[in-house]
N, C-alpha and C. Protein backbone atom coordinates (compact mmCIF):
# COMPACT_ATOMS: atom_id res chain seq x y z
N MET A 1 -0.15 53.35 6.36
CA MET A 1 1.06 53.49 7.14
C MET A 1 1.92 52.25 6.92
N ASP A 2 3.21 52.42 7.05
CA ASP A 2 4.11 51.28 6.93
C ASP A 2 4.55 50.82 8.31
N TYR A 3 3.77 49.93 8.88
CA TYR A 3 4.07 49.37 10.19
C TYR A 3 4.84 48.07 10.06
N VAL A 4 5.61 47.79 11.08
CA VAL A 4 6.23 46.49 11.27
C VAL A 4 5.46 45.85 12.42
N LEU A 5 5.10 44.59 12.27
CA LEU A 5 4.42 43.87 13.33
C LEU A 5 5.28 42.68 13.74
N ASP A 6 5.73 42.71 14.99
CA ASP A 6 6.46 41.59 15.57
C ASP A 6 5.66 41.08 16.75
N ILE A 7 5.69 39.77 16.94
CA ILE A 7 5.02 39.17 18.08
C ILE A 7 5.99 38.25 18.79
N ALA A 8 5.80 38.09 20.08
CA ALA A 8 6.59 37.14 20.87
C ALA A 8 5.61 36.35 21.72
N ILE A 9 5.68 35.03 21.58
CA ILE A 9 4.78 34.16 22.34
C ILE A 9 5.55 32.94 22.83
N PRO A 10 5.05 32.30 23.89
CA PRO A 10 5.72 31.09 24.38
C PRO A 10 5.66 29.96 23.35
N LYS A 11 6.79 29.29 23.16
CA LYS A 11 6.85 28.18 22.20
C LYS A 11 5.83 27.10 22.55
N LYS A 12 5.64 26.86 23.84
CA LYS A 12 4.72 25.81 24.27
C LYS A 12 3.25 26.15 24.00
N GLU A 13 2.97 27.41 23.70
CA GLU A 13 1.59 27.83 23.51
C GLU A 13 1.26 28.22 22.06
N ILE A 14 2.16 27.93 21.16
CA ILE A 14 1.96 28.29 19.75
C ILE A 14 0.67 27.69 19.21
N GLU A 15 0.41 26.45 19.54
CA GLU A 15 -0.79 25.79 19.02
C GLU A 15 -2.08 26.38 19.59
N ALA A 16 -2.00 27.03 20.75
CA ALA A 16 -3.19 27.64 21.36
C ALA A 16 -3.75 28.77 20.50
N VAL A 17 -2.89 29.39 19.69
CA VAL A 17 -3.34 30.46 18.78
C VAL A 17 -3.35 29.98 17.33
N LYS A 18 -3.34 28.66 17.18
CA LYS A 18 -3.45 28.01 15.86
C LYS A 18 -2.35 28.46 14.89
N LEU A 19 -1.13 28.43 15.39
CA LEU A 19 0.05 28.78 14.61
C LEU A 19 0.89 27.51 14.46
N ASN A 20 1.24 27.18 13.23
CA ASN A 20 1.99 25.96 12.96
C ASN A 20 3.22 26.27 12.12
N GLU A 21 4.28 25.50 12.34
CA GLU A 21 5.48 25.71 11.54
C GLU A 21 5.20 25.32 10.09
N LYS A 22 5.65 26.18 9.18
CA LYS A 22 5.50 25.93 7.75
C LYS A 22 6.69 25.07 7.32
N LEU A 23 6.40 23.94 6.72
CA LEU A 23 7.45 23.02 6.29
C LEU A 23 7.50 22.96 4.77
N MET A 24 8.70 22.76 4.25
CA MET A 24 8.89 22.60 2.81
C MET A 24 9.03 21.11 2.53
N GLU A 25 8.33 20.63 1.54
CA GLU A 25 8.40 19.21 1.21
C GLU A 25 9.39 18.98 0.08
N TRP A 26 10.18 17.94 0.24
CA TRP A 26 11.15 17.53 -0.77
C TRP A 26 11.04 16.01 -0.86
N GLY A 27 10.42 15.57 -1.91
CA GLY A 27 10.17 14.13 -2.02
C GLY A 27 9.21 13.68 -0.94
N ASP A 28 9.63 12.70 -0.17
CA ASP A 28 8.80 12.18 0.92
C ASP A 28 9.12 12.82 2.26
N SER A 29 10.01 13.81 2.28
CA SER A 29 10.44 14.43 3.54
C SER A 29 9.95 15.86 3.63
N ALA A 30 9.83 16.34 4.87
CA ALA A 30 9.45 17.73 5.13
C ALA A 30 10.57 18.38 5.94
N TYR A 31 10.90 19.63 5.57
CA TYR A 31 12.00 20.34 6.21
C TYR A 31 11.53 21.71 6.67
N SER A 32 12.16 22.19 7.76
CA SER A 32 11.90 23.54 8.23
C SER A 32 12.49 24.54 7.24
N CYS A 33 11.88 25.69 7.15
CA CYS A 33 12.44 26.79 6.37
C CYS A 33 13.60 27.38 7.16
N SER A 34 14.44 28.14 6.50
CA SER A 34 15.53 28.81 7.19
C SER A 34 15.52 30.29 6.82
N PRO A 35 15.18 31.18 7.74
CA PRO A 35 14.73 30.94 9.11
C PRO A 35 13.34 30.31 9.14
N PRO A 36 13.01 29.67 10.27
CA PRO A 36 11.70 29.02 10.38
C PRO A 36 10.54 29.99 10.13
N GLN A 37 9.51 29.47 9.50
CA GLN A 37 8.29 30.25 9.26
C GLN A 37 7.12 29.54 9.93
N TYR A 38 6.15 30.36 10.35
CA TYR A 38 4.95 29.84 10.99
C TYR A 38 3.75 30.41 10.26
N ILE A 39 2.68 29.62 10.21
CA ILE A 39 1.51 30.01 9.44
C ILE A 39 0.25 29.76 10.27
N THR A 40 -0.69 30.69 10.18
CA THR A 40 -1.97 30.52 10.88
C THR A 40 -2.90 29.68 10.02
N ASN A 41 -4.03 29.29 10.59
CA ASN A 41 -5.04 28.55 9.83
C ASN A 41 -5.59 29.37 8.67
N SER A 42 -5.47 30.69 8.77
CA SER A 42 -5.97 31.57 7.70
C SER A 42 -4.84 32.04 6.78
N ASN A 43 -3.72 31.31 6.79
CA ASN A 43 -2.58 31.54 5.89
C ASN A 43 -1.83 32.84 6.10
N ILE A 44 -1.81 33.35 7.31
CA ILE A 44 -0.97 34.51 7.65
C ILE A 44 0.40 33.95 8.02
N ILE A 45 1.43 34.47 7.37
CA ILE A 45 2.78 33.92 7.55
C ILE A 45 3.64 34.84 8.42
N PHE A 46 4.34 34.23 9.36
CA PHE A 46 5.31 34.91 10.21
C PHE A 46 6.65 34.21 10.05
N GLU A 47 7.72 34.99 10.14
CA GLU A 47 9.06 34.43 10.05
C GLU A 47 9.77 34.65 11.38
N GLN A 48 10.45 33.62 11.85
CA GLN A 48 11.13 33.71 13.14
C GLN A 48 12.30 34.68 13.05
N ILE A 49 12.42 35.53 14.04
CA ILE A 49 13.54 36.46 14.16
C ILE A 49 14.56 35.79 15.07
N GLU A 50 15.73 35.54 14.55
CA GLU A 50 16.72 34.80 15.32
C GLU A 50 17.59 35.71 16.18
N ASP A 51 17.80 36.95 15.76
CA ASP A 51 18.57 37.90 16.55
C ASP A 51 17.58 38.73 17.38
N VAL A 52 17.45 38.41 18.64
CA VAL A 52 16.42 39.04 19.48
C VAL A 52 16.92 40.27 20.25
N LYS A 53 18.16 40.68 20.04
CA LYS A 53 18.71 41.79 20.82
C LYS A 53 17.91 43.08 20.67
N TYR A 54 17.49 43.40 19.46
CA TYR A 54 16.73 44.64 19.27
C TYR A 54 15.42 44.59 20.05
N PHE A 55 14.81 43.42 20.09
CA PHE A 55 13.54 43.27 20.80
C PHE A 55 13.76 43.36 22.31
N GLU A 56 14.85 42.79 22.78
CA GLU A 56 15.18 42.88 24.21
C GLU A 56 15.39 44.33 24.62
N GLU A 57 15.99 45.13 23.75
CA GLU A 57 16.17 46.56 24.05
C GLU A 57 14.82 47.26 24.15
N ILE A 58 13.89 46.91 23.31
CA ILE A 58 12.57 47.54 23.32
C ILE A 58 11.81 47.18 24.59
N VAL A 59 11.79 45.90 24.96
CA VAL A 59 11.03 45.48 26.13
C VAL A 59 11.79 45.72 27.43
N GLY A 60 13.08 45.94 27.32
CA GLY A 60 13.87 46.26 28.51
C GLY A 60 14.22 45.06 29.37
N LYS A 61 14.20 43.88 28.77
CA LYS A 61 14.60 42.69 29.53
C LYS A 61 14.99 41.58 28.57
N LYS A 62 15.68 40.59 29.11
CA LYS A 62 16.11 39.45 28.31
C LYS A 62 14.90 38.59 27.96
N ILE A 63 14.85 38.15 26.71
CA ILE A 63 13.78 37.28 26.24
C ILE A 63 14.21 35.83 26.47
N SER A 64 13.38 35.08 27.14
CA SER A 64 13.65 33.68 27.46
C SER A 64 13.76 32.84 26.19
N ASN A 65 14.52 31.76 26.27
CA ASN A 65 14.61 30.82 25.15
C ASN A 65 13.29 30.09 24.92
N GLU A 66 12.38 30.20 25.87
CA GLU A 66 11.07 29.57 25.75
C GLU A 66 10.09 30.42 24.94
N ILE A 67 10.55 31.60 24.52
CA ILE A 67 9.71 32.53 23.74
C ILE A 67 10.19 32.52 22.30
N VAL A 68 9.26 32.51 21.36
CA VAL A 68 9.60 32.62 19.95
C VAL A 68 9.20 34.02 19.47
N LEU A 69 10.11 34.67 18.78
CA LEU A 69 9.90 36.02 18.27
C LEU A 69 9.66 35.92 16.77
N LEU A 70 8.53 36.50 16.31
CA LEU A 70 8.12 36.36 14.91
C LEU A 70 7.80 37.71 14.29
N ASN A 71 8.11 37.83 13.00
CA ASN A 71 7.82 39.03 12.22
C ASN A 71 6.77 38.69 11.17
N LEU A 72 5.77 39.55 11.05
CA LEU A 72 4.72 39.34 10.05
C LEU A 72 5.31 39.44 8.65
N ARG A 73 5.11 38.42 7.83
CA ARG A 73 5.61 38.40 6.46
C ARG A 73 4.49 38.55 5.44
N SER A 74 3.28 38.22 5.82
CA SER A 74 2.14 38.35 4.90
C SER A 74 1.75 39.81 4.78
N ASP A 75 1.15 40.14 3.66
CA ASP A 75 0.73 41.51 3.39
C ASP A 75 -0.73 41.69 3.82
N VAL A 76 -0.99 41.56 5.13
CA VAL A 76 -2.36 41.64 5.63
C VAL A 76 -2.59 42.78 6.61
N LEU A 77 -1.53 43.45 7.00
CA LEU A 77 -1.67 44.52 7.98
C LEU A 77 -2.47 45.69 7.40
N PHE A 78 -2.28 46.00 6.12
CA PHE A 78 -3.04 47.09 5.52
C PHE A 78 -4.53 46.80 5.54
N GLU A 79 -4.91 45.54 5.33
CA GLU A 79 -6.33 45.18 5.38
C GLU A 79 -6.91 45.47 6.75
N LEU A 80 -6.14 45.21 7.80
CA LEU A 80 -6.59 45.52 9.16
C LEU A 80 -6.70 47.03 9.35
N GLU A 81 -5.69 47.76 8.90
CA GLU A 81 -5.75 49.23 8.99
C GLU A 81 -6.98 49.76 8.27
N TYR A 82 -7.24 49.26 7.09
CA TYR A 82 -8.39 49.71 6.30
C TYR A 82 -9.70 49.41 7.03
N ALA A 83 -9.82 48.22 7.59
CA ALA A 83 -11.03 47.84 8.32
C ALA A 83 -11.26 48.77 9.51
N ILE A 84 -10.19 49.13 10.20
CA ILE A 84 -10.31 50.03 11.35
C ILE A 84 -10.69 51.43 10.90
N ASN A 85 -10.08 51.91 9.85
CA ASN A 85 -10.29 53.29 9.41
C ASN A 85 -11.53 53.50 8.56
N SER A 86 -12.12 52.46 8.06
CA SER A 86 -13.34 52.62 7.26
C SER A 86 -14.59 52.51 8.13
N ASP A 87 -14.39 52.28 9.42
CA ASP A 87 -15.50 52.21 10.38
C ASP A 87 -16.60 51.26 9.94
N ASN A 88 -16.20 50.15 9.38
CA ASN A 88 -17.22 49.18 9.00
C ASN A 88 -17.15 47.95 9.90
N LYS A 89 -18.07 47.08 9.73
CA LYS A 89 -18.18 45.91 10.59
C LYS A 89 -17.22 44.79 10.17
N GLU A 90 -16.43 45.03 9.13
CA GLU A 90 -15.50 44.02 8.64
C GLU A 90 -14.37 43.74 9.63
N LEU A 91 -14.17 44.62 10.60
CA LEU A 91 -13.09 44.44 11.56
C LEU A 91 -13.19 43.09 12.26
N TRP A 92 -14.37 42.70 12.65
CA TRP A 92 -14.56 41.44 13.38
C TRP A 92 -14.49 40.22 12.47
N LYS A 93 -14.26 40.44 11.18
CA LYS A 93 -14.02 39.34 10.24
C LYS A 93 -12.56 39.30 9.81
N ASN A 94 -11.79 40.32 10.19
CA ASN A 94 -10.40 40.41 9.76
C ASN A 94 -9.56 39.32 10.45
N GLU A 95 -8.90 38.50 9.66
CA GLU A 95 -8.15 37.36 10.19
C GLU A 95 -6.98 37.76 11.09
N LEU A 96 -6.25 38.82 10.72
CA LEU A 96 -5.13 39.26 11.56
C LEU A 96 -5.64 39.77 12.89
N PHE A 97 -6.71 40.55 12.87
CA PHE A 97 -7.32 41.07 14.09
C PHE A 97 -7.74 39.92 15.01
N LEU A 98 -8.44 38.95 14.46
CA LEU A 98 -8.90 37.80 15.25
C LEU A 98 -7.72 37.01 15.81
N PHE A 99 -6.68 36.87 15.01
CA PHE A 99 -5.47 36.18 15.47
C PHE A 99 -4.84 36.91 16.66
N LEU A 100 -4.67 38.22 16.54
CA LEU A 100 -4.02 38.99 17.60
C LEU A 100 -4.84 39.03 18.88
N ILE A 101 -6.15 39.17 18.77
CA ILE A 101 -6.94 39.21 20.01
C ILE A 101 -7.01 37.84 20.68
N SER A 102 -6.69 36.78 19.95
CA SER A 102 -6.67 35.45 20.57
C SER A 102 -5.51 35.31 21.57
N PHE A 103 -4.56 36.24 21.56
CA PHE A 103 -3.41 36.18 22.47
C PHE A 103 -3.82 36.33 23.93
N TYR A 104 -5.00 36.87 24.20
CA TYR A 104 -5.41 37.09 25.59
C TYR A 104 -5.35 35.78 26.40
N LYS A 105 -5.51 34.63 25.74
CA LYS A 105 -5.53 33.35 26.45
C LYS A 105 -4.12 32.80 26.72
N LEU A 106 -3.10 33.45 26.21
CA LEU A 106 -1.72 33.00 26.43
C LEU A 106 -1.24 33.44 27.82
N SER A 107 -0.26 32.73 28.35
CA SER A 107 0.29 33.09 29.66
C SER A 107 1.11 34.37 29.58
N GLU A 108 1.70 34.62 28.41
CA GLU A 108 2.43 35.87 28.18
C GLU A 108 2.56 36.10 26.68
N PHE A 109 2.74 37.36 26.30
CA PHE A 109 2.93 37.70 24.89
C PHE A 109 3.42 39.14 24.79
N TYR A 110 3.95 39.46 23.62
CA TYR A 110 4.29 40.84 23.25
C TYR A 110 3.78 41.05 21.83
N ILE A 111 3.17 42.19 21.59
CA ILE A 111 2.78 42.61 20.24
C ILE A 111 3.43 43.97 20.03
N LEU A 112 4.31 44.05 19.06
CA LEU A 112 5.01 45.30 18.75
C LEU A 112 4.51 45.81 17.41
N LEU A 113 3.95 47.01 17.41
CA LEU A 113 3.52 47.69 16.18
C LEU A 113 4.28 49.00 16.11
N ILE A 114 5.16 49.09 15.14
CA ILE A 114 6.02 50.27 15.05
C ILE A 114 6.23 50.64 13.59
N ARG A 115 6.26 51.94 13.33
CA ARG A 115 6.57 52.41 11.98
C ARG A 115 8.08 52.54 11.83
N GLU A 116 8.55 52.48 10.60
CA GLU A 116 9.99 52.61 10.35
C GLU A 116 10.50 53.93 10.91
N ASP A 117 11.70 53.87 11.48
CA ASP A 117 12.39 55.05 12.04
C ASP A 117 11.63 55.69 13.19
N GLU A 118 10.78 54.95 13.86
CA GLU A 118 10.06 55.47 15.01
C GLU A 118 10.49 54.70 16.26
N LYS A 119 10.08 55.20 17.40
CA LYS A 119 10.35 54.54 18.67
C LYS A 119 9.03 54.29 19.38
N ILE A 120 9.03 53.31 20.25
CA ILE A 120 7.83 53.00 21.02
C ILE A 120 7.48 54.21 21.88
N LYS A 121 6.25 54.65 21.76
CA LYS A 121 5.79 55.79 22.55
C LYS A 121 4.83 55.37 23.65
N GLU A 122 4.24 54.19 23.49
CA GLU A 122 3.29 53.71 24.50
C GLU A 122 3.52 52.23 24.75
N ARG A 123 3.41 51.87 26.03
CA ARG A 123 3.48 50.47 26.45
C ARG A 123 2.23 50.19 27.26
N HIS A 124 1.57 49.09 26.94
CA HIS A 124 0.32 48.77 27.63
C HIS A 124 0.32 47.31 28.07
N ARG A 125 0.18 47.12 29.38
CA ARG A 125 -0.02 45.77 29.91
C ARG A 125 -1.47 45.40 29.63
N ILE A 126 -1.67 44.22 29.09
CA ILE A 126 -3.00 43.76 28.68
C ILE A 126 -3.51 42.71 29.66
N PHE A 127 -4.79 42.86 30.02
CA PHE A 127 -5.40 41.92 30.95
C PHE A 127 -6.54 41.12 30.32
N ASP A 128 -7.11 41.63 29.23
CA ASP A 128 -8.22 40.89 28.62
C ASP A 128 -8.33 41.19 27.12
N LYS A 129 -9.20 40.43 26.48
CA LYS A 129 -9.39 40.50 25.03
C LYS A 129 -9.84 41.89 24.56
N GLU A 130 -10.71 42.52 25.33
CA GLU A 130 -11.22 43.84 24.94
C GLU A 130 -10.10 44.88 24.89
N GLU A 131 -9.16 44.78 25.83
CA GLU A 131 -8.04 45.73 25.83
C GLU A 131 -7.20 45.60 24.57
N ILE A 132 -6.97 44.38 24.13
CA ILE A 132 -6.19 44.19 22.90
C ILE A 132 -6.91 44.86 21.73
N SER A 133 -8.21 44.63 21.59
CA SER A 133 -8.94 45.20 20.46
C SER A 133 -8.96 46.72 20.53
N ILE A 134 -9.16 47.28 21.71
CA ILE A 134 -9.19 48.75 21.85
C ILE A 134 -7.84 49.35 21.49
N LYS A 135 -6.77 48.77 21.99
CA LYS A 135 -5.43 49.31 21.72
C LYS A 135 -5.04 49.17 20.25
N LEU A 136 -5.39 48.05 19.63
CA LEU A 136 -5.12 47.90 18.19
C LEU A 136 -5.89 48.94 17.39
N PHE A 137 -7.14 49.14 17.75
CA PHE A 137 -7.99 50.12 17.08
C PHE A 137 -7.38 51.52 17.20
N ASP A 138 -6.99 51.91 18.41
CA ASP A 138 -6.40 53.24 18.64
C ASP A 138 -5.06 53.41 17.92
N THR A 139 -4.27 52.38 17.88
CA THR A 139 -2.93 52.44 17.28
C THR A 139 -2.96 52.63 15.78
N LEU A 140 -3.87 51.94 15.11
CA LEU A 140 -3.88 51.93 13.65
C LEU A 140 -4.79 52.98 13.02
N LYS A 141 -5.33 53.89 13.82
CA LYS A 141 -6.12 55.00 13.27
C LYS A 141 -5.20 55.91 12.47
N TRP A 142 -5.53 56.15 11.22
CA TRP A 142 -4.68 56.98 10.37
C TRP A 142 -4.61 58.42 10.85
N SER A 143 -5.62 58.88 11.53
CA SER A 143 -5.63 60.27 12.01
C SER A 143 -4.68 60.49 13.18
N ASN A 144 -4.32 59.43 13.89
CA ASN A 144 -3.42 59.56 15.03
C ASN A 144 -2.65 58.24 15.25
N PRO A 145 -1.77 57.88 14.30
CA PRO A 145 -1.06 56.60 14.42
C PRO A 145 -0.12 56.59 15.62
N LYS A 146 0.07 55.41 16.17
CA LYS A 146 0.93 55.27 17.35
C LYS A 146 1.88 54.10 17.14
N ASP A 147 2.95 54.13 17.89
CA ASP A 147 3.93 53.05 17.90
C ASP A 147 3.88 52.45 19.30
N ILE A 148 3.43 51.21 19.40
CA ILE A 148 3.14 50.66 20.72
C ILE A 148 3.72 49.27 20.94
N LEU A 149 3.77 48.93 22.21
CA LEU A 149 4.08 47.59 22.65
C LEU A 149 2.94 47.16 23.57
N LEU A 150 2.24 46.11 23.18
CA LEU A 150 1.21 45.51 24.03
C LEU A 150 1.83 44.26 24.63
N PHE A 151 1.59 44.02 25.90
CA PHE A 151 2.21 42.85 26.51
C PHE A 151 1.40 42.30 27.67
N LYS A 152 1.62 41.03 27.88
CA LYS A 152 1.11 40.33 29.05
C LYS A 152 2.28 39.50 29.54
N GLU A 153 2.67 39.70 30.79
CA GLU A 153 3.80 38.97 31.33
C GLU A 153 3.33 38.06 32.45
N LYS A 154 4.05 36.96 32.63
CA LYS A 154 3.75 36.07 33.75
C LYS A 154 3.98 36.84 35.04
N LEU A 155 3.09 36.64 35.97
CA LEU A 155 3.24 37.31 37.27
C LEU A 155 4.13 36.53 38.20
């Protein structure tokens, strides 16, 4: 399936999920990419989305300036889909899966998984790590793909 994966997390908590800004080196100096890019310890790359209006329409509220909105740029989503659909034990070794389930420890987050030309059909408030894994598993099943928004909001 051709999914788009966008995530929104608090800027202050980026390091909690081991996400760091990717810098370009030029001589002895390091510079931010334009638009900024972030990379996990396992080399999964996300690019910052600067126009957040489409995301605000999906979640139905204004996104705070304290939240960073990122789009998956690495070609790793298919590996996660394959791990889920092959019913093997590789799922718990998949770097993207492990990264996404680590969001349970954040104060708030959004995970948007949507196929092109589709609309969100399910929204799920997440309370723990198991819920994230179950919803990701259900969403990426090739026999019944879904377009979802997983979220945890500050109370």
